[in-house]
Amino acid sequence: MPRRSALFLIPVLLLAAGASGATWKLVWSDEFSVTGMPDPNKWDYEEGFIRNKELQYYTKACPENARVENGCLVIETRNDNFKGHPITSASLNTRKKASWLYGRIEVRAKLPTGKGMWPAIWMLGVNRQLGWPACGEIDIMENVGFDPLTIHANVHTKAYNHTIGTNKGNKIEVTDPSKHFHVYAVEWFEDHIDFFVDKTKYFTFRNEGTGHDVWPFDKPHYLILNAAYGGSWGGQKGVDNTILPQKYTIDYVRVYEQKK
């Protein structure tokens, strides 16, 4: 079973583990303690074929693809031909339910793996009218199945994004993330964002002070948890349907604000 820390101990533990010296107050969480469907007061779903030429169809409120069991959220990617769609999965988000500006966002998770898998933990700016990437994107964790031990962090802005070859990010190798739970986190401040796996900080993106094109991260963002399959990155070296089903197991999601 996943190990959990008592909630009243969390700020103390984070103070000891954090590199920033900040102290944190828990303001939002999902501990996934109630078996069944994810809490509809906290989570909504993307539905359909959404982006990046991915092969999975995201289902809405379908327990085969997203459910809470054994104290964890399970996002399952399946080769099940659901309603005529060969590959199905789920993408949960807090859009229109919760968003945050600055703070520590952390997710403890065990990842799916295999050629084609592309799980992620990420955030998008609430003001989608600006379009992507002007709204801002914070990639807390990405992993692709053809490179299973590597965790990636990236940001995407109008000035810095992969479509024009300027995106900013870094990567780190970790103990097998498909067999072990790790904590993936950002600590987001007015002047920089730090990215962590467990207690290791491996990337910092700084506010250059040159305006919105570089730093759209002075506006609220919402959280997305998804398991993609194939597509522009996950499918770069092909896919292997024999690996399915694959489970993306999330022990908790916790959001903190900095104590002044």
C-alpha atoms as a PDB file:
ATOM      1  CA  MET A   1       0.000   0.000   0.000  1.00  0.00           C
ATOM      2  CA  PRO A   2       1.211   3.568  -0.619  1.00  0.00           C
ATOM      3  CA  ARG A   3       2.871   5.220   2.353  1.00  0.00           C
ATOM      4  CA  ARG A   4       1.170   8.352   3.610  1.00  0.00           C
ATOM      5  CA  SER A   5       2.235  11.099   5.969  1.00  0.00           C
ATOM      6  CA  ALA A   6      -0.201  12.535   8.470  1.00  0.00           C
ATOM      7  CA  LEU A   7      -1.490  15.826   7.070  1.00  0.00           C
ATOM      8  CA  PHE A   8      -0.537  17.831  10.154  1.00  0.00           C
ATOM      9  CA  LEU A   9       3.088  16.821   9.615  1.00  0.00           C
ATOM     10  CA  ILE A  10       3.313  17.798   5.963  1.00  0.00           C
ATOM     11  CA  PRO A  11       4.463  21.450   6.310  1.00  0.00           C
ATOM     12  CA  VAL A  12       7.269  20.377   8.672  1.00  0.00           C
ATOM     13  CA  LEU A  13       8.440  17.656   6.312  1.00  0.00           C
ATOM     14  CA  LEU A  14       8.410  20.023   3.350  1.00  0.00           C
ATOM     15  CA  LEU A  15      10.387  22.638   5.216  1.00  0.00           C
ATOM     16  CA  ALA A  16      13.036  20.030   5.919  1.00  0.00           C
ATOM     17  CA  ALA A  17      13.059  18.785   2.310  1.00  0.00           C
ATOM     18  CA  GLY A  18      12.658  22.008   0.362  1.00  0.00           C
ATOM     19  CA  ALA A  19      15.598  23.788  -1.242  1.00  0.00           C
ATOM     20  CA  SER A  20      13.959  27.218  -1.233  1.00  0.00           C
ATOM     21  CA  GLY A  21      13.759  27.676   2.533  1.00  0.00           C
ATOM     22  CA  ALA A  22      10.047  28.449   2.188  1.00  0.00           C
ATOM     23  CA  THR A  23       7.445  27.116   4.588  1.00  0.00           C
ATOM     24  CA  TRP A  24       4.184  25.864   3.192  1.00  0.00           C
ATOM     25  CA  LYS A  25       0.534  25.642   4.201  1.00  0.00           C
ATOM     26  CA  LEU A  26      -1.714  22.993   2.649  1.00  0.00           C
ATOM     27  CA  VAL A  27      -4.622  24.670   0.810  1.00  0.00           C
ATOM     28  CA  TRP A  28      -5.997  21.927  -1.498  1.00  0.00           C
ATOM     29  CA  SER A  29      -5.539  18.184  -1.791  1.00  0.00           C
ATOM     30  CA  ASP A  30      -6.993  14.931  -2.945  1.00  0.00           C
ATOM     31  CA  GLU A  31      -5.846  11.911  -0.958  1.00  0.00           C
ATOM     32  CA  PHE A  32      -8.053   9.553  -3.027  1.00  0.00           C
ATOM     33  CA  SER A  33      -9.431   7.938   0.112  1.00  0.00           C
ATOM     34  CA  VAL A  34     -12.945   7.186  -1.204  1.00  0.00           C
ATOM     35  CA  THR A  35     -13.287   4.238  -3.585  1.00  0.00           C
ATOM     36  CA  GLY A  36     -15.250   4.878  -6.771  1.00  0.00           C
ATOM     37  CA  MET A  37     -15.142   7.699  -9.286  1.00  0.00           C
ATOM     38  CA  PRO A  38     -12.809  10.672  -8.801  1.00  0.00           C
ATOM     39  CA  ASP A  39     -14.380  13.473  -6.749  1.00  0.00           C
ATOM     40  CA  PRO A  40     -16.513  15.511  -9.203  1.00  0.00           C
ATOM     41  CA  ASN A  41     -16.101  18.585  -7.012  1.00  0.00           C
ATOM     42  CA  LYS A  42     -12.375  18.505  -7.737  1.00  0.00           C
ATOM     43  CA  TRP A  43     -11.948  16.881 -11.144  1.00  0.00           C
ATOM     44  CA  ASP A  44     -13.335  17.144 -14.654  1.00  0.00           C
ATOM     45  CA  TYR A  45     -12.321  15.267 -17.814  1.00  0.00           C
ATOM     46  CA  GLU A  46     -11.106  15.964 -21.292  1.00  0.00           C
ATOM     47  CA  GLU A  47     -13.002  13.888 -23.831  1.00  0.00           C
ATOM     48  CA  GLY A  48     -12.051  12.733 -27.305  1.00  0.00           C
ATOM     49  CA  PHE A  49      -8.891  13.008 -29.392  1.00  0.00           C
ATOM     50  CA  ILE A  50      -7.344  16.173 -27.995  1.00  0.00           C
ATOM     51  CA  ARG A  51      -3.779  16.922 -29.155  1.00  0.00           C
ATOM     52  CA  ASN A  52      -0.387  15.835 -30.493  1.00  0.00           C
ATOM     53  CA  LYS A  53      -1.795  13.201 -32.888  1.00  0.00           C
ATOM     54  CA  GLU A  54      -2.091  10.812 -29.940  1.00  0.00           C
ATOM     55  CA  LEU A  55      -3.785   7.452 -30.440  1.00  0.00           C
ATOM     56  CA  GLN A  56      -5.883   7.312 -27.281  1.00  0.00           C
ATOM     57  CA  TYR A  57      -9.482   8.459 -26.998  1.00  0.00           C
ATOM     58  CA  TYR A  58     -10.019  10.181 -23.650  1.00  0.00           C
ATOM     59  CA  THR A  59     -13.236   9.009 -22.013  1.00  0.00           C
ATOM     60  CA  LYS A  60     -15.383  10.997 -19.602  1.00  0.00           C
ATOM     61  CA  ALA A  61     -16.344   9.524 -16.218  1.00  0.00           C
ATOM     62  CA  CYS A  62     -15.594   5.971 -17.345  1.00  0.00           C
ATOM     63  CA  PRO A  63     -14.415   3.757 -14.449  1.00  0.00           C
ATOM     64  CA  GLU A  64     -12.420   1.497 -16.752  1.00  0.00           C
ATOM     65  CA  ASN A  65     -10.163   4.485 -17.481  1.00  0.00           C
ATOM     66  CA  ALA A  66     -10.294   6.556 -14.265  1.00  0.00           C
ATOM     67  CA  ARG A  67     -11.242   5.384 -10.786  1.00  0.00           C
ATOM     68  CA  VAL A  68     -10.180   5.482  -7.159  1.00  0.00           C
ATOM     69  CA  GLU A  69      -9.159   2.183  -5.581  1.00  0.00           C
ATOM     70  CA  ASN A  70      -6.867   1.112  -2.727  1.00  0.00           C
ATOM     71  CA  GLY A  71      -6.284   4.742  -1.754  1.00  0.00           C
ATOM     72  CA  CYS A  72      -5.047   5.829  -5.172  1.00  0.00           C
ATOM     73  CA  LEU A  73      -6.353   7.360  -8.371  1.00  0.00           C
ATOM     74  CA  VAL A  74      -5.836   4.919 -11.238  1.00  0.00           C
ATOM     75  CA  ILE A  75      -5.732   6.202 -14.815  1.00  0.00           C
ATOM     76  CA  GLU A  76      -5.757   3.138 -17.055  1.00  0.00           C
ATOM     77  CA  THR A  77      -4.828   3.073 -20.727  1.00  0.00           C
ATOM     78  CA  ARG A  78      -6.598   0.200 -22.447  1.00  0.00           C
ATOM     79  CA  ASN A  79      -6.798  -1.553 -25.795  1.00  0.00           C
ATOM     80  CA  ASP A  80     -10.530  -2.173 -25.484  1.00  0.00           C
ATOM     81  CA  ASN A  81     -12.250  -0.747 -28.588  1.00  0.00           C
ATOM     82  CA  PHE A  82     -14.635   1.317 -26.422  1.00  0.00           C
ATOM     83  CA  LYS A  83     -17.402   2.736 -28.634  1.00  0.00           C
ATOM     84  CA  GLY A  84     -15.290   1.980 -31.689  1.00  0.00           C
ATOM     85  CA  HIS A  85     -12.134   3.637 -30.325  1.00  0.00           C
ATOM     86  CA  PRO A  86      -9.324   1.057 -30.168  1.00  0.00           C
ATOM     87  CA  ILE A  87      -7.238   2.746 -27.440  1.00  0.00           C
ATOM     88  CA  THR A  88      -8.793   4.582 -24.485  1.00  0.00           C
ATOM     89  CA  SER A  89      -7.393   6.478 -21.527  1.00  0.00           C
ATOM     90  CA  ALA A  90      -8.246   9.435 -19.277  1.00  0.00           C
ATOM     91  CA  SER A  91      -7.167  13.023 -18.744  1.00  0.00           C
ATOM     92  CA  LEU A  92      -8.363  14.628 -15.513  1.00  0.00           C
ATOM     93  CA  ASN A  93      -8.130  18.348 -14.796  1.00  0.00           C
ATOM     94  CA  THR A  94      -9.167  20.993 -12.275  1.00  0.00           C
ATOM     95  CA  ARG A  95     -10.229  23.572 -14.861  1.00  0.00           C
ATOM     96  CA  LYS A  96     -13.168  25.695 -13.592  1.00  0.00           C
ATOM     97  CA  LYS A  97     -12.903  23.860 -10.244  1.00  0.00           C
ATOM     98  CA  ALA A  98      -9.535  24.968  -8.835  1.00  0.00           C
ATOM     99  CA  SER A  99      -6.573  27.007 -10.027  1.00  0.00           C
ATOM    100  CA  TRP A 100      -3.558  28.492  -8.330  1.00  0.00           C
ATOM    101  CA  LEU A 101      -1.075  31.325  -8.594  1.00  0.00           C
ATOM    102  CA  TYR A 102       2.262  30.484  -6.949  1.00  0.00           C
ATOM    103  CA  GLY A 103       2.814  27.775  -4.351  1.00  0.00           C
ATOM    104  CA  ARG A 104       4.042  24.200  -4.170  1.00  0.00           C
ATOM    105  CA  ILE A 105       2.206  21.604  -6.260  1.00  0.00           C
ATOM    106  CA  GLU A 106       3.194  17.996  -5.647  1.00  0.00           C
ATOM    107  CA  VAL A 107       1.966  14.627  -6.890  1.00  0.00           C
ATOM    108  CA  ARG A 108       3.113  11.220  -5.638  1.00  0.00           C
ATOM    109  CA  ALA A 109       2.758   8.716  -8.444  1.00  0.00           C
ATOM    110  CA  LYS A 110       3.876   5.479 -10.065  1.00  0.00           C
ATOM    111  CA  LEU A 111       3.965   5.691 -13.848  1.00  0.00           C
ATOM    112  CA  PRO A 112       2.785   3.447 -16.672  1.00  0.00           C
ATOM    113  CA  THR A 113       5.500   2.240 -19.031  1.00  0.00           C
ATOM    114  CA  GLY A 114       6.144   0.598 -22.378  1.00  0.00           C
ATOM    115  CA  LYS A 115       6.627   1.772 -25.944  1.00  0.00           C
ATOM    116  CA  GLY A 116       3.956   4.378 -26.666  1.00  0.00           C
ATOM    117  CA  MET A 117       3.106   5.501 -23.117  1.00  0.00           C
ATOM    118  CA  TRP A 118       3.327   9.223 -22.334  1.00  0.00           C
ATOM    119  CA  PRO A 119       2.081  10.097 -18.815  1.00  0.00           C
ATOM    120  CA  ALA A 120       2.202  13.685 -17.604  1.00  0.00           C
ATOM    121  CA  ILE A 121       1.515  16.063 -14.719  1.00  0.00           C
ATOM    122  CA  TRP A 122       1.155  19.623 -15.977  1.00  0.00           C
ATOM    123  CA  MET A 123      -0.533  23.001 -15.667  1.00  0.00           C
ATOM    124  CA  LEU A 124      -2.114  25.423 -18.137  1.00  0.00           C
ATOM    125  CA  GLY A 125      -3.042  29.075 -17.744  1.00  0.00           C
ATOM    126  CA  VAL A 126      -6.722  29.613 -16.979  1.00  0.00           C
ATOM    127  CA  ASN A 127      -7.102  32.271 -19.677  1.00  0.00           C
ATOM    128  CA  ARG A 128      -7.335  29.950 -22.664  1.00  0.00           C
ATOM    129  CA  GLN A 129      -8.527  32.833 -24.881  1.00  0.00           C
ATOM    130  CA  LEU A 130      -4.875  33.798 -25.166  1.00  0.00           C
ATOM    131  CA  GLY A 131      -4.255  30.475 -26.918  1.00  0.00           C
ATOM    132  CA  TRP A 132      -1.338  28.146 -26.466  1.00  0.00           C
ATOM    133  CA  PRO A 133       1.472  28.768 -25.630  1.00  0.00           C
ATOM    134  CA  ALA A 134       0.715  32.377 -24.677  1.00  0.00           C
ATOM    135  CA  CYS A 135      -1.459  31.161 -21.784  1.00  0.00           C
ATOM    136  CA  GLY A 136       1.578  29.401 -20.270  1.00  0.00           C
ATOM    137  CA  GLU A 137       2.304  25.729 -19.630  1.00  0.00           C
ATOM    138  CA  ILE A 138       4.217  24.204 -16.706  1.00  0.00           C
ATOM    139  CA  ASP A 139       5.207  20.572 -17.245  1.00  0.00           C
ATOM    140  CA  ILE A 140       5.825  19.209 -13.754  1.00  0.00           C
ATOM    141  CA  MET A 141       6.513  15.691 -15.032  1.00  0.00           C
ATOM    142  CA  GLU A 142       6.601  13.979 -18.415  1.00  0.00           C
ATOM    143  CA  ASN A 143       7.883  10.514 -19.240  1.00  0.00           C
ATOM    144  CA  VAL A 144       7.927   8.511 -22.462  1.00  0.00           C
ATOM    145  CA  GLY A 145       7.906   4.733 -22.512  1.00  0.00           C
ATOM    146  CA  PHE A 146      10.820   4.374 -24.927  1.00  0.00           C
ATOM    147  CA  ASP A 147      13.024   6.183 -22.352  1.00  0.00           C
ATOM    148  CA  PRO A 148      11.456   4.813 -19.180  1.00  0.00           C
ATOM    149  CA  LEU A 149      13.878   6.003 -16.482  1.00  0.00           C
ATOM    150  CA  THR A 150      13.991   9.655 -17.549  1.00  0.00           C
ATOM    151  CA  ILE A 151      11.747  12.361 -16.076  1.00  0.00           C
ATOM    152  CA  HIS A 152      11.366  15.641 -17.970  1.00  0.00           C
ATOM    153  CA  ALA A 153      10.444  19.144 -16.802  1.00  0.00           C
ATOM    154  CA  ASN A 154       9.590  21.916 -19.271  1.00  0.00           C
ATOM    155  CA  VAL A 155       7.888  25.274 -19.573  1.00  0.00           C
ATOM    156  CA  HIS A 156       6.170  26.620 -22.666  1.00  0.00           C
ATOM    157  CA  THR A 157       5.533  30.311 -23.291  1.00  0.00           C
ATOM    158  CA  LYS A 158       5.161  32.465 -26.381  1.00  0.00           C
ATOM    159  CA  ALA A 159       8.904  33.114 -26.371  1.00  0.00           C
ATOM    160  CA  TYR A 160      10.002  29.661 -25.246  1.00  0.00           C
ATOM    161  CA  ASN A 161       8.252  26.614 -26.694  1.00  0.00           C
ATOM    162  CA  HIS A 162       9.036  23.446 -28.585  1.00  0.00           C
ATOM    163  CA  THR A 163       7.262  24.469 -31.814  1.00  0.00           C
ATOM    164  CA  ILE A 164       9.942  27.092 -32.438  1.00  0.00           C
ATOM    165  CA  GLY A 165      12.732  25.073 -30.813  1.00  0.00           C
ATOM    166  CA  THR A 166      13.227  27.374 -27.828  1.00  0.00           C
ATOM    167  CA  ASN A 167      11.498  25.558 -24.963  1.00  0.00           C
ATOM    168  CA  LYS A 168      13.254  25.555 -21.618  1.00  0.00           C
ATOM    169  CA  GLY A 169      13.597  22.404 -19.553  1.00  0.00           C
ATOM    170  CA  ASN A 170      15.754  19.673 -18.139  1.00  0.00           C
ATOM    171  CA  LYS A 171      15.630  15.964 -17.396  1.00  0.00           C
ATOM    172  CA  ILE A 172      16.753  13.581 -14.682  1.00  0.00           C
ATOM    173  CA  GLU A 173      17.137   9.807 -14.412  1.00  0.00           C
ATOM    174  CA  VAL A 174      15.349   8.207 -11.455  1.00  0.00           C
ATOM    175  CA  THR A 175      14.901   4.763  -9.911  1.00  0.00           C
ATOM    176  CA  ASP A 176      12.414   2.926 -12.118  1.00  0.00           C
ATOM    177  CA  PRO A 177       9.295   5.162 -11.968  1.00  0.00           C
ATOM    178  CA  SER A 178       7.048   2.353 -13.187  1.00  0.00           C
ATOM    179  CA  LYS A 179       7.928   0.228 -10.155  1.00  0.00           C
ATOM    180  CA  HIS A 180       8.399   2.894  -7.489  1.00  0.00           C
ATOM    181  CA  PHE A 181       6.406   5.887  -6.310  1.00  0.00           C
ATOM    182  CA  HIS A 182       8.156   9.240  -6.623  1.00  0.00           C
ATOM    183  CA  VAL A 183       7.077  12.764  -5.653  1.00  0.00           C
ATOM    184  CA  TYR A 184       6.960  15.159  -8.609  1.00  0.00           C
ATOM    185  CA  ALA A 185       6.718  18.815  -7.641  1.00  0.00           C
ATOM    186  CA  VAL A 186       7.179  22.466  -8.478  1.00  0.00           C
ATOM    187  CA  GLU A 187       7.741  25.392  -6.161  1.00  0.00           C
ATOM    188  CA  TRP A 188       6.400  28.432  -7.988  1.00  0.00           C
ATOM    189  CA  PHE A 189       7.319  31.978  -6.976  1.00  0.00           C
ATOM    190  CA  GLU A 190       6.948  35.437  -8.522  1.00  0.00           C
ATOM    191  CA  ASP A 191      10.479  35.342  -9.904  1.00  0.00           C
ATOM    192  CA  HIS A 192      11.178  31.660 -10.619  1.00  0.00           C
ATOM    193  CA  ILE A 193       9.835  28.097 -10.715  1.00  0.00           C
ATOM    194  CA  ASP A 194      11.834  25.177  -9.258  1.00  0.00           C
ATOM    195  CA  PHE A 195      11.197  21.602 -10.408  1.00  0.00           C
ATOM    196  CA  PHE A 196      11.785  18.546  -8.211  1.00  0.00           C
ATOM    197  CA  VAL A 197      11.722  14.775  -8.194  1.00  0.00           C
ATOM    198  CA  ASP A 198      11.557  13.678  -4.569  1.00  0.00           C
ATOM    199  CA  LYS A 199      14.052  15.989  -2.814  1.00  0.00           C
ATOM    200  CA  THR A 200      16.189  16.703  -5.883  1.00  0.00           C
ATOM    201  CA  LYS A 201      15.816  20.039  -7.668  1.00  0.00           C
ATOM    202  CA  TYR A 202      16.869  19.578 -11.283  1.00  0.00           C
ATOM    203  CA  PHE A 203      15.516  22.594 -13.171  1.00  0.00           C
ATOM    204  CA  THR A 204      14.795  26.269 -12.485  1.00  0.00           C
ATOM    205  CA  PHE A 205      13.021  28.647 -14.852  1.00  0.00           C
ATOM    206  CA  ARG A 206      13.462  32.325 -14.015  1.00  0.00           C
ATOM    207  CA  ASN A 207      11.355  35.394 -14.694  1.00  0.00           C
ATOM    208  CA  GLU A 208      13.530  37.528 -16.958  1.00  0.00           C
ATOM    209  CA  GLY A 209      11.425  40.611 -16.262  1.00  0.00           C
ATOM    210  CA  THR A 210      10.749  41.146 -19.964  1.00  0.00           C
ATOM    211  CA  GLY A 211       6.982  40.656 -19.960  1.00  0.00           C
ATOM    212  CA  HIS A 212       4.231  38.184 -20.713  1.00  0.00           C
ATOM    213  CA  ASP A 213       5.849  36.493 -23.711  1.00  0.00           C
ATOM    214  CA  VAL A 214       8.489  35.026 -21.399  1.00  0.00           C
ATOM    215  CA  TRP A 215       6.610  34.958 -18.089  1.00  0.00           C
ATOM    216  CA  PRO A 216       2.857  34.235 -18.307  1.00  0.00           C
ATOM    217  CA  PHE A 217       3.227  32.660 -14.870  1.00  0.00           C
ATOM    218  CA  ASP A 218       1.815  35.663 -13.007  1.00  0.00           C
ATOM    219  CA  LYS A 219      -1.711  34.384 -13.698  1.00  0.00           C
ATOM    220  CA  PRO A 220      -3.574  31.346 -12.252  1.00  0.00           C
ATOM    221  CA  HIS A 221      -3.036  27.892 -13.756  1.00  0.00           C
ATOM    222  CA  TYR A 222      -5.014  24.677 -13.391  1.00  0.00           C
ATOM    223  CA  LEU A 223      -3.720  21.109 -13.076  1.00  0.00           C
ATOM    224  CA  ILE A 224      -3.918  18.208 -15.548  1.00  0.00           C
ATOM    225  CA  LEU A 225      -3.166  14.499 -14.950  1.00  0.00           C
ATOM    226  CA  ASN A 226      -3.207  12.393 -18.100  1.00  0.00           C
ATOM    227  CA  ALA A 227      -1.888   9.215 -19.671  1.00  0.00           C
ATOM    228  CA  ALA A 228      -1.363   9.655 -23.413  1.00  0.00           C
ATOM    229  CA  TYR A 229      -0.391   6.914 -25.863  1.00  0.00           C
ATOM    230  CA  GLY A 230       1.519   7.418 -29.087  1.00  0.00           C
ATOM    231  CA  GLY A 231       1.544  10.852 -30.657  1.00  0.00           C
ATOM    232  CA  SER A 232       4.268  13.290 -31.560  1.00  0.00           C
ATOM    233  CA  TRP A 233       6.547  12.358 -28.659  1.00  0.00           C
ATOM    234  CA  GLY A 234       5.179   9.201 -27.049  1.00  0.00           C
ATOM    235  CA  GLY A 235       5.026   7.496 -30.442  1.00  0.00           C
ATOM    236  CA  GLN A 236       8.363   8.688 -31.816  1.00  0.00           C
ATOM    237  CA  LYS A 237       9.756   5.154 -31.722  1.00  0.00           C
ATOM    238  CA  GLY A 238       6.488   3.381 -32.424  1.00  0.00           C
ATOM    239  CA  VAL A 239       3.924   1.840 -30.114  1.00  0.00           C
ATOM    240  CA  ASP A 240       3.408  -1.649 -28.750  1.00  0.00           C
ATOM    241  CA  ASN A 241      -0.226  -2.517 -28.083  1.00  0.00           C
ATOM    242  CA  THR A 242       0.819  -5.700 -26.274  1.00  0.00           C
ATOM    243  CA  ILE A 243       1.870  -3.599 -23.249  1.00  0.00           C
ATOM    244  CA  LEU A 244      -1.747  -2.590 -22.618  1.00  0.00           C
ATOM    245  CA  PRO A 245      -3.454  -2.204 -20.259  1.00  0.00           C
ATOM    246  CA  GLN A 246      -1.152   0.139 -18.328  1.00  0.00           C
ATOM    247  CA  LYS A 247      -1.984   1.800 -15.002  1.00  0.00           C
ATOM    248  CA  TYR A 248      -0.905   5.288 -13.917  1.00  0.00           C
ATOM    249  CA  THR A 249      -1.255   5.182 -10.107  1.00  0.00           C
ATOM    250  CA  ILE A 250      -1.479   8.462  -8.197  1.00  0.00           C
ATOM    251  CA  ASP A 251      -1.257   8.331  -4.421  1.00  0.00           C
ATOM    252  CA  TYR A 252      -2.102  11.977  -3.753  1.00  0.00           C
ATOM    253  CA  VAL A 253      -2.175  15.518  -5.107  1.00  0.00           C
ATOM    254  CA  ARG A 254      -1.326  18.356  -2.701  1.00  0.00           C
ATOM    255  CA  VAL A 255      -1.179  22.103  -3.231  1.00  0.00           C
ATOM    256  CA  TYR A 256       0.381  24.526  -0.767  1.00  0.00           C
ATOM    257  CA  GLU A 257       0.715  28.266  -0.454  1.00  0.00           C
ATOM    258  CA  GLN A 258       3.753  29.934   1.022  1.00  0.00           C
ATOM    259  CA  LYS A 259       3.406  31.031   4.620  1.00  0.00           C
ATOM    260  CA  LYS A 260       4.385  34.670   5.026  1.00  0.00           C
END
